[in-house]
N, C-alpha and C. Protein backbone atom coordinates (compact mmCIF):
# COMPACT_ATOMS: atom_id res chain seq x y z
N MET A 1 138.71 21.53 -14.91
CA MET A 1 137.82 21.23 -15.19
C MET A 1 137.45 20.90 -16.89
N LYS A 2 137.71 19.85 -17.18
CA LYS A 2 137.14 19.42 -18.57
C LYS A 2 135.81 19.30 -19.28
N PHE A 3 135.37 19.55 -20.23
CA PHE A 3 134.04 19.52 -20.96
C PHE A 3 133.92 18.96 -22.49
N THR A 4 132.88 18.43 -22.74
CA THR A 4 132.94 17.77 -23.75
C THR A 4 131.23 18.06 -24.49
N LEU A 5 130.96 18.44 -25.58
CA LEU A 5 129.66 18.62 -26.19
C LEU A 5 129.54 17.81 -27.12
N LYS A 6 128.09 17.13 -27.18
CA LYS A 6 127.72 16.18 -27.78
C LYS A 6 126.11 16.28 -28.46
N VAL A 7 125.90 16.27 -29.66
CA VAL A 7 124.32 16.47 -30.05
C VAL A 7 123.79 15.24 -30.20
N VAL A 8 122.82 14.80 -29.60
CA VAL A 8 122.26 13.63 -29.33
C VAL A 8 120.94 13.82 -30.24
N GLY A 9 120.24 14.04 -31.22
CA GLY A 9 118.94 14.08 -31.70
C GLY A 9 118.77 15.82 -31.88
N ASP A 10 117.77 16.18 -30.62
CA ASP A 10 117.34 17.40 -30.34
C ASP A 10 118.06 18.07 -29.18
N VAL A 11 118.89 17.34 -28.72
CA VAL A 11 119.37 17.42 -27.42
C VAL A 11 120.81 17.70 -27.47
N CYS A 12 121.33 18.52 -26.60
CA CYS A 12 122.99 18.83 -26.62
C CYS A 12 123.28 18.34 -25.29
N VAL A 13 124.14 17.43 -25.46
CA VAL A 13 124.56 16.96 -24.05
C VAL A 13 126.17 17.64 -23.58
N LEU A 14 126.07 18.19 -22.64
CA LEU A 14 127.58 18.67 -21.83
C LEU A 14 128.14 18.04 -20.62
N LYS A 15 129.25 17.35 -21.15
CA LYS A 15 129.63 16.39 -20.25
C LYS A 15 130.65 17.41 -19.61
N LEU A 16 130.66 17.42 -18.29
CA LEU A 16 131.46 17.73 -17.38
C LEU A 16 132.21 16.84 -16.50
N ASP A 17 133.66 17.28 -16.32
CA ASP A 17 134.56 16.08 -15.56
C ASP A 17 135.53 17.13 -15.03
N GLY A 18 135.32 16.95 -13.59
CA GLY A 18 136.12 17.70 -12.49
C GLY A 18 135.37 18.76 -11.55
N LYS A 19 135.94 18.97 -11.03
CA LYS A 19 135.68 20.48 -9.68
C LYS A 19 135.19 21.62 -10.75
N PHE A 20 134.12 21.72 -10.10
CA PHE A 20 133.43 23.02 -11.16
C PHE A 20 133.23 24.08 -10.27
N MET A 21 134.31 25.10 -10.20
CA MET A 21 134.31 26.17 -9.27
C MET A 21 134.86 27.11 -9.94
N ALA A 22 134.82 28.11 -9.16
CA ALA A 22 135.73 29.81 -9.67
C ALA A 22 137.09 29.73 -10.25
N GLY A 23 137.10 30.37 -11.17
CA GLY A 23 138.68 30.44 -11.92
C GLY A 23 138.67 29.28 -12.77
N GLY A 24 137.62 28.47 -13.22
CA GLY A 24 137.47 27.23 -14.22
C GLY A 24 137.15 27.62 -15.34
N ASP A 25 136.58 26.93 -16.36
CA ASP A 25 136.16 27.40 -17.35
C ASP A 25 134.87 27.82 -17.93
N SER A 26 134.20 28.36 -16.84
CA SER A 26 132.91 29.08 -17.21
C SER A 26 132.61 29.70 -18.34
N PHE A 27 133.60 30.62 -18.68
CA PHE A 27 133.72 31.77 -19.39
C PHE A 27 133.35 30.76 -20.95
N PHE A 28 134.31 29.77 -21.07
CA PHE A 28 134.51 28.98 -22.25
C PHE A 28 132.94 28.10 -22.32
N LEU A 29 132.46 27.64 -21.08
CA LEU A 29 131.40 27.11 -21.08
C LEU A 29 130.08 27.69 -21.82
N ARG A 30 129.75 29.11 -21.03
CA ARG A 30 129.19 29.98 -21.50
C ARG A 30 129.02 30.17 -23.36
N GLU A 31 130.44 30.46 -23.52
CA GLU A 31 130.46 30.24 -24.88
C GLU A 31 129.53 29.22 -26.22
N LYS A 32 130.23 28.19 -25.32
CA LYS A 32 129.61 27.08 -25.80
C LYS A 32 128.22 26.77 -25.93
N ILE A 33 127.77 27.23 -25.06
CA ILE A 33 126.03 27.19 -25.11
C ILE A 33 125.35 28.35 -25.84
N LYS A 34 126.03 29.21 -25.78
CA LYS A 34 125.67 30.32 -26.80
C LYS A 34 125.94 29.61 -28.29
N ASN A 35 126.94 29.11 -28.22
CA ASN A 35 126.87 28.50 -30.01
C ASN A 35 126.11 27.44 -30.07
N VAL A 36 125.71 26.50 -29.22
CA VAL A 36 124.72 25.73 -29.58
C VAL A 36 123.17 26.30 -29.69
N LEU A 37 122.67 27.16 -28.54
CA LEU A 37 121.77 27.88 -28.83
C LEU A 37 121.59 28.93 -30.19
N SER A 38 122.63 29.11 -31.06
CA SER A 38 122.57 29.87 -32.35
C SER A 38 122.17 28.87 -33.28
N MET A 39 122.72 27.28 -32.93
CA MET A 39 122.78 26.25 -33.88
C MET A 39 121.03 25.88 -34.02
N GLY A 40 120.11 26.56 -33.01
CA GLY A 40 118.69 26.08 -32.99
C GLY A 40 118.38 25.04 -32.07
N ILE A 41 119.17 24.53 -31.31
CA ILE A 41 119.30 23.56 -30.42
C ILE A 41 118.53 23.70 -29.10
N GLU A 42 117.65 23.63 -28.57
CA GLU A 42 116.99 24.28 -27.53
C GLU A 42 117.11 23.37 -25.72
N LYS A 43 117.63 22.15 -26.12
CA LYS A 43 117.38 21.31 -25.12
C LYS A 43 118.78 21.10 -24.69
N LEU A 44 119.42 20.97 -23.27
CA LEU A 44 120.32 20.90 -22.94
C LEU A 44 120.55 20.21 -21.92
N LEU A 45 121.23 19.07 -21.39
CA LEU A 45 121.40 18.33 -20.53
C LEU A 45 123.00 18.46 -20.01
N ILE A 46 123.15 18.69 -18.78
CA ILE A 46 124.49 18.67 -18.54
C ILE A 46 124.49 17.29 -17.36
N ASP A 47 125.78 16.87 -17.98
CA ASP A 47 126.14 15.69 -17.49
C ASP A 47 127.14 15.74 -16.47
N MET A 48 126.66 15.92 -15.06
CA MET A 48 127.72 15.98 -14.07
C MET A 48 128.14 14.49 -13.24
N ASP A 49 128.16 13.53 -13.68
CA ASP A 49 128.10 12.37 -13.35
C ASP A 49 129.94 12.22 -12.48
N SER A 50 130.91 13.13 -13.30
CA SER A 50 132.31 13.06 -13.23
C SER A 50 132.74 14.60 -12.36
N VAL A 51 131.61 15.05 -11.79
CA VAL A 51 131.68 16.44 -11.02
C VAL A 51 131.80 15.94 -9.38
N PRO A 52 132.71 15.95 -8.85
CA PRO A 52 132.87 15.66 -7.44
C PRO A 52 132.57 16.95 -6.57
N TYR A 53 132.65 17.87 -7.12
CA TYR A 53 132.60 19.10 -6.26
C TYR A 53 131.98 20.12 -7.17
N ILE A 54 130.99 21.27 -6.37
CA ILE A 54 130.67 22.02 -7.23
C ILE A 54 130.40 23.24 -6.29
N ASP A 55 130.97 24.51 -6.52
CA ASP A 55 131.09 25.48 -5.64
C ASP A 55 129.72 26.59 -6.20
N SER A 56 129.71 27.93 -5.51
CA SER A 56 128.72 28.65 -6.11
C SER A 56 128.90 29.45 -7.23
N THR A 57 130.00 29.42 -7.81
CA THR A 57 130.26 29.57 -9.05
C THR A 57 129.56 28.82 -10.20
N GLY A 58 129.53 27.31 -10.00
CA GLY A 58 129.12 26.52 -10.89
C GLY A 58 127.52 26.34 -10.25
N VAL A 59 126.91 26.65 -9.59
CA VAL A 59 125.43 26.81 -9.38
C VAL A 59 125.14 28.07 -10.26
N GLY A 60 125.87 29.17 -9.96
CA GLY A 60 125.44 30.34 -10.56
C GLY A 60 125.31 30.21 -12.29
N PHE A 61 126.29 29.31 -12.56
CA PHE A 61 126.38 29.20 -13.98
C PHE A 61 125.27 28.38 -14.26
N LEU A 62 124.86 27.08 -13.50
CA LEU A 62 123.45 26.33 -13.73
C LEU A 62 122.40 27.14 -13.95
N VAL A 63 122.16 28.16 -12.99
CA VAL A 63 120.95 29.12 -12.79
C VAL A 63 121.05 29.79 -14.19
N SER A 64 122.29 30.60 -14.36
CA SER A 64 121.83 31.45 -15.13
C SER A 64 122.01 30.79 -16.86
N SER A 65 122.30 29.56 -17.14
CA SER A 65 121.94 28.91 -17.99
C SER A 65 120.54 28.18 -18.03
N HIS A 66 119.97 27.71 -17.27
CA HIS A 66 118.53 27.69 -17.11
C HIS A 66 117.70 28.93 -17.70
N THR A 67 118.52 30.05 -17.04
CA THR A 67 117.06 31.04 -17.36
C THR A 67 117.72 31.62 -18.93
N SER A 68 118.58 31.81 -19.25
CA SER A 68 118.89 31.67 -20.77
C SER A 68 118.00 30.87 -21.59
N LEU A 69 118.05 29.41 -21.50
CA LEU A 69 117.36 28.53 -22.40
C LEU A 69 115.90 28.71 -21.98
N THR A 70 115.31 28.88 -21.03
CA THR A 70 114.18 29.32 -20.66
C THR A 70 113.52 30.05 -21.19
N SER A 71 113.84 31.13 -20.97
CA SER A 71 113.51 32.60 -21.71
C SER A 71 113.55 32.41 -23.28
N GLN A 72 114.64 31.43 -23.81
CA GLN A 72 114.24 31.17 -25.38
C GLN A 72 113.72 29.96 -25.82
N GLY A 73 112.61 29.41 -24.54
CA GLY A 73 111.73 28.55 -25.02
C GLY A 73 112.41 27.53 -24.82
N GLY A 74 113.52 27.24 -24.23
CA GLY A 74 114.28 25.74 -24.17
C GLY A 74 114.30 25.37 -22.73
N LYS A 75 115.19 24.17 -23.00
CA LYS A 75 114.97 23.28 -21.57
C LYS A 75 116.62 22.99 -20.93
N LEU A 76 116.42 23.24 -19.55
CA LEU A 76 117.96 22.75 -19.30
C LEU A 76 117.47 21.57 -18.09
N ASP A 77 118.30 20.39 -18.03
CA ASP A 77 118.47 19.50 -16.81
C ASP A 77 119.55 19.01 -16.80
N TYR A 78 120.05 18.54 -15.65
CA TYR A 78 121.09 17.75 -15.25
C TYR A 78 121.06 16.57 -14.58
N SER A 79 122.13 15.83 -14.87
CA SER A 79 122.29 14.66 -14.23
C SER A 79 123.35 14.23 -13.43
N SER A 80 123.28 13.48 -12.25
CA SER A 80 124.35 13.45 -11.56
C SER A 80 124.10 12.44 -10.42
N LYS A 81 125.40 11.54 -10.50
CA LYS A 81 125.15 10.35 -9.35
C LYS A 81 125.56 10.70 -7.85
N THR A 82 126.01 11.62 -8.00
CA THR A 82 126.83 12.03 -6.68
C THR A 82 125.81 13.39 -6.12
N LEU A 83 125.55 14.44 -6.89
CA LEU A 83 124.80 15.48 -6.48
C LEU A 83 123.28 15.49 -6.73
N SER A 84 122.42 15.37 -5.63
CA SER A 84 121.17 15.60 -5.90
C SER A 84 120.36 17.10 -6.02
N LYS A 85 119.55 17.15 -6.67
CA LYS A 85 118.70 18.54 -7.07
C LYS A 85 118.83 19.16 -5.57
N SER A 86 118.13 18.65 -4.88
CA SER A 86 117.72 19.37 -3.48
C SER A 86 119.02 19.78 -2.84
N ASP A 87 120.12 19.18 -2.88
CA ASP A 87 121.48 19.61 -2.25
C ASP A 87 121.98 20.42 -3.00
N ALA A 88 121.87 20.60 -4.11
CA ALA A 88 122.33 21.53 -5.23
C ALA A 88 121.86 23.08 -5.02
N PHE A 89 120.62 22.92 -4.55
CA PHE A 89 119.91 24.35 -4.76
C PHE A 89 119.13 24.64 -3.27
N THR A 90 119.90 24.16 -2.61
CA THR A 90 119.27 24.33 -1.25
C THR A 90 120.09 25.71 -0.48
N THR A 91 119.23 26.68 -0.25
CA THR A 91 120.43 27.57 0.73
C THR A 91 120.01 27.77 1.97
N PRO A 92 121.50 27.91 2.54
CA PRO A 92 121.13 27.90 3.66
C PRO A 92 120.49 29.30 4.22
N THR A 93 119.60 28.72 5.51
CA THR A 93 118.93 30.01 6.24
C THR A 93 119.91 31.23 6.70
N ILE A 94 119.41 32.49 6.69
CA ILE A 94 120.30 33.36 7.07
C ILE A 94 119.62 34.00 7.90
N LEU A 95 120.16 34.17 8.97
CA LEU A 95 119.63 34.58 10.25
C LEU A 95 119.35 35.92 10.17
N PRO A 96 118.14 36.77 10.61
CA PRO A 96 117.94 38.23 10.60
C PRO A 96 118.47 38.73 11.54
N PRO A 97 119.12 39.92 11.24
CA PRO A 97 120.09 40.75 11.97
C PRO A 97 119.22 41.01 13.22
N PHE A 98 120.29 41.36 14.52
CA PHE A 98 119.16 41.33 15.70
C PHE A 98 118.37 42.44 16.07
């Protein structure tokens, strides 16, 4: 997966390109986000228009990034042409044990 960062006004746009899954660049993405936060930017938009697939690692990254930003008074949102928010964050129902 490739990614680029671009600051537009008071918003940092993180553009992702490729499959977002385990073994990818999530460590480097986390470091980039930490750098952005240290610059005082509190709004992050993750552009996922070029992400054809996201696994639980990618969803975990989005959730932990959201938690980090909101705990510091920031805001995170994402855009995607192919992935709806309800699809990404709907968890399957787990059947109770017998």
